[in-house]
């Protein structure tokens, strides 16, 4: 799945939170990256990291998605 040799890049075919349809990118409003599938006390939970995954993973169908780079 991941043929990428650079550990700083997340490819669009990797089964990780960055590529999940449940990911909510709320960084601009100060909430970080949230999981839209998990709620605790009525609030979405933060994901532990963009490279993590879970049983609820579903590949995003967003055609505008691009590989993520930490660089």
N, C-alpha and C. Protein backbone atom coordinates (compact mmCIF):
# COMPACT_ATOMS: atom_id res chain seq x y z
N UNK A 1 0.81 -1.18 0.00
CA UNK A 1 0.00 0.00 0.00
C UNK A 1 0.86 1.26 0.00
N UNK A 2 1.83 1.31 0.88
CA UNK A 2 2.70 2.47 0.94
C UNK A 2 4.03 2.13 0.29
N UNK A 3 4.23 2.65 -0.91
CA UNK A 3 5.49 2.43 -1.63
C UNK A 3 6.40 3.63 -1.45
N UNK A 4 6.03 4.52 -0.59
CA UNK A 4 6.75 5.75 -0.40
C UNK A 4 7.98 5.54 0.47
N UNK A 5 9.13 5.96 -0.02
CA UNK A 5 10.38 5.81 0.71
C UNK A 5 10.61 6.95 1.70
N UNK A 6 9.92 8.07 1.52
CA UNK A 6 10.08 9.23 2.39
C UNK A 6 9.10 9.15 3.55
N UNK A 7 9.57 9.01 4.78
CA UNK A 7 8.66 8.88 5.92
C UNK A 7 7.90 10.17 6.25
N UNK A 8 8.28 11.30 5.64
CA UNK A 8 7.62 12.57 5.89
C UNK A 8 6.41 12.81 4.99
N UNK A 9 6.12 11.87 4.11
CA UNK A 9 5.00 12.02 3.18
C UNK A 9 3.99 10.91 3.41
N UNK A 10 2.71 11.27 3.50
CA UNK A 10 1.63 10.29 3.61
C UNK A 10 0.97 10.18 2.24
N UNK A 11 1.09 9.02 1.60
CA UNK A 11 0.50 8.80 0.28
C UNK A 11 -1.02 8.73 0.38
N UNK A 12 -1.73 9.02 -0.72
CA UNK A 12 -3.19 9.04 -0.68
C UNK A 12 -3.81 7.65 -0.63
N UNK A 13 -3.00 6.59 -0.75
CA UNK A 13 -3.56 5.24 -0.68
C UNK A 13 -3.25 4.54 0.65
N UNK A 14 -2.60 5.26 1.59
CA UNK A 14 -2.30 4.66 2.90
C UNK A 14 -3.55 4.61 3.76
N UNK A 15 -3.71 3.53 4.53
CA UNK A 15 -4.86 3.35 5.42
C UNK A 15 -4.53 4.00 6.77
N UNK A 16 -4.57 5.33 6.78
CA UNK A 16 -4.26 6.11 7.99
C UNK A 16 -5.30 7.21 8.16
N UNK A 17 -5.35 7.79 9.35
CA UNK A 17 -6.36 8.81 9.66
C UNK A 17 -6.38 9.97 8.66
N UNK A 18 -5.23 10.35 8.14
CA UNK A 18 -5.18 11.46 7.18
C UNK A 18 -6.08 11.20 5.98
N UNK A 19 -6.19 9.96 5.55
CA UNK A 19 -6.97 9.60 4.37
C UNK A 19 -8.38 9.12 4.69
N UNK A 20 -8.81 9.19 5.94
CA UNK A 20 -10.11 8.67 6.34
C UNK A 20 -11.23 9.68 6.08
N UNK A 21 -12.41 9.19 5.68
CA UNK A 21 -13.54 10.08 5.43
C UNK A 21 -14.09 10.68 6.72
N UNK A 22 -13.77 10.10 7.88
CA UNK A 22 -14.26 10.60 9.16
C UNK A 22 -13.39 11.73 9.73
N UNK A 23 -12.25 12.00 9.09
CA UNK A 23 -11.34 13.04 9.60
C UNK A 23 -11.96 14.42 9.44
N UNK A 24 -11.90 15.22 10.51
CA UNK A 24 -12.36 16.60 10.48
C UNK A 24 -11.16 17.49 10.74
N UNK A 25 -10.80 18.31 9.76
CA UNK A 25 -9.63 19.17 9.86
C UNK A 25 -10.08 20.48 10.49
N UNK A 26 -9.96 20.58 11.82
CA UNK A 26 -10.42 21.76 12.55
C UNK A 26 -9.24 22.55 13.11
N UNK A 27 -8.11 22.47 12.45
CA UNK A 27 -6.88 23.11 12.90
C UNK A 27 -7.03 24.63 12.89
N UNK A 28 -7.65 25.18 11.87
CA UNK A 28 -7.78 26.63 11.73
C UNK A 28 -8.59 27.27 12.86
N UNK A 29 -9.47 26.50 13.50
CA UNK A 29 -10.26 27.04 14.60
C UNK A 29 -9.74 26.57 15.96
N UNK A 30 -8.54 26.00 15.95
CA UNK A 30 -7.87 25.65 17.20
C UNK A 30 -8.26 24.33 17.84
N UNK A 31 -8.98 23.48 17.11
CA UNK A 31 -9.40 22.20 17.68
C UNK A 31 -8.55 21.02 17.25
N UNK A 32 -7.64 21.24 16.31
CA UNK A 32 -6.79 20.16 15.84
C UNK A 32 -7.48 19.30 14.80
N UNK A 33 -7.07 18.05 14.68
CA UNK A 33 -7.66 17.12 13.74
C UNK A 33 -8.54 16.16 14.54
N UNK A 34 -9.81 16.11 14.20
CA UNK A 34 -10.79 15.35 14.96
C UNK A 34 -11.27 14.14 14.17
N UNK A 35 -11.83 13.17 14.90
CA UNK A 35 -12.45 12.00 14.27
C UNK A 35 -13.96 12.19 14.31
N UNK A 36 -14.59 12.25 13.15
CA UNK A 36 -16.03 12.44 13.07
C UNK A 36 -16.82 11.19 13.39
N UNK A 37 -16.13 10.09 13.62
CA UNK A 37 -16.80 8.83 13.95
C UNK A 37 -16.89 8.60 15.46
N UNK A 38 -16.03 9.25 16.22
CA UNK A 38 -15.98 9.06 17.68
C UNK A 38 -16.47 10.31 18.40
N UNK A 39 -17.40 10.13 19.32
CA UNK A 39 -17.87 11.24 20.14
C UNK A 39 -17.81 10.83 21.61
N UNK A 40 -17.35 11.75 22.43
CA UNK A 40 -17.35 11.56 23.88
C UNK A 40 -17.96 12.80 24.50
N UNK A 41 -19.05 12.64 25.24
CA UNK A 41 -19.71 13.77 25.86
C UNK A 41 -20.25 14.76 24.84
N UNK A 42 -20.66 14.29 23.67
CA UNK A 42 -21.21 15.16 22.63
C UNK A 42 -20.16 15.86 21.79
N UNK A 43 -18.88 15.63 22.06
CA UNK A 43 -17.80 16.27 21.31
C UNK A 43 -17.01 15.23 20.53
N UNK A 44 -16.55 15.63 19.36
CA UNK A 44 -15.68 14.74 18.58
C UNK A 44 -14.34 14.63 19.30
N UNK A 45 -13.67 13.49 19.15
CA UNK A 45 -12.38 13.28 19.80
C UNK A 45 -11.24 13.59 18.84
N UNK A 46 -10.12 14.04 19.39
CA UNK A 46 -8.95 14.27 18.56
C UNK A 46 -8.34 12.93 18.17
N UNK A 47 -7.78 12.87 16.97
CA UNK A 47 -7.09 11.66 16.56
C UNK A 47 -5.69 11.68 17.16
N UNK A 48 -5.11 10.51 17.43
CA UNK A 48 -3.79 10.47 18.06
C UNK A 48 -2.65 10.87 17.12
N UNK A 49 -2.90 10.86 15.82
CA UNK A 49 -1.87 11.23 14.85
C UNK A 49 -2.34 10.95 13.45
N UNK A 50 -1.83 11.67 12.47
CA UNK A 50 -2.26 11.49 11.09
C UNK A 50 -1.91 10.12 10.52
N UNK A 51 -0.89 9.47 11.07
CA UNK A 51 -0.48 8.15 10.59
C UNK A 51 -1.16 7.00 11.32
N UNK A 52 -2.02 7.28 12.29
CA UNK A 52 -2.73 6.23 13.03
C UNK A 52 -3.91 5.73 12.22
N UNK A 53 -4.49 4.61 12.62
CA UNK A 53 -5.69 4.08 11.98
C UNK A 53 -6.51 3.35 13.03
N UNK A 54 -7.76 3.02 12.68
CA UNK A 54 -8.62 2.31 13.62
C UNK A 54 -9.59 1.42 12.83
N UNK A 55 -10.44 0.70 13.55
CA UNK A 55 -11.40 -0.20 12.90
C UNK A 55 -12.47 0.55 12.12
N UNK A 56 -12.70 1.82 12.42
CA UNK A 56 -13.73 2.61 11.74
C UNK A 56 -13.22 3.25 10.45
N UNK A 57 -11.97 2.97 10.07
CA UNK A 57 -11.37 3.60 8.88
C UNK A 57 -12.19 3.32 7.63
N UNK A 58 -12.48 4.39 6.90
CA UNK A 58 -13.11 4.30 5.58
C UNK A 58 -12.35 5.29 4.69
N UNK A 59 -11.84 4.81 3.55
CA UNK A 59 -11.06 5.66 2.65
C UNK A 59 -11.92 6.82 2.16
N UNK A 60 -11.36 8.01 2.22
CA UNK A 60 -12.05 9.21 1.76
C UNK A 60 -12.25 9.14 0.25
N UNK A 61 -13.39 9.64 -0.20
CA UNK A 61 -13.70 9.66 -1.63
C UNK A 61 -13.41 11.03 -2.24
N UNK A 62 -12.79 11.92 -1.46
CA UNK A 62 -12.48 13.27 -1.93
C UNK A 62 -11.45 13.19 -3.05
N UNK A 63 -11.84 13.61 -4.24
CA UNK A 63 -10.96 13.54 -5.40
C UNK A 63 -9.88 14.61 -5.37
N UNK A 64 -10.03 15.63 -4.54
CA UNK A 64 -9.06 16.72 -4.45
C UNK A 64 -7.98 16.47 -3.40
N UNK A 65 -8.05 15.31 -2.72
CA UNK A 65 -7.05 14.97 -1.71
C UNK A 65 -5.66 14.90 -2.33
N UNK A 66 -4.69 15.37 -1.58
CA UNK A 66 -3.31 15.33 -2.07
C UNK A 66 -2.45 14.66 -1.00
N UNK A 67 -1.30 14.10 -1.38
CA UNK A 67 -0.40 13.52 -0.38
C UNK A 67 -0.03 14.59 0.65
N UNK A 68 0.14 14.19 1.90
CA UNK A 68 0.50 15.11 2.97
C UNK A 68 1.99 15.05 3.19
N UNK A 69 2.62 16.21 3.37
CA UNK A 69 4.04 16.26 3.63
C UNK A 69 4.31 17.03 4.90
N UNK A 70 5.16 16.49 5.77
CA UNK A 70 5.57 17.17 6.99
C UNK A 70 6.65 18.21 6.72
N UNK A 71 7.17 18.23 5.52
CA UNK A 71 8.26 19.16 5.18
C UNK A 71 7.79 20.57 5.03
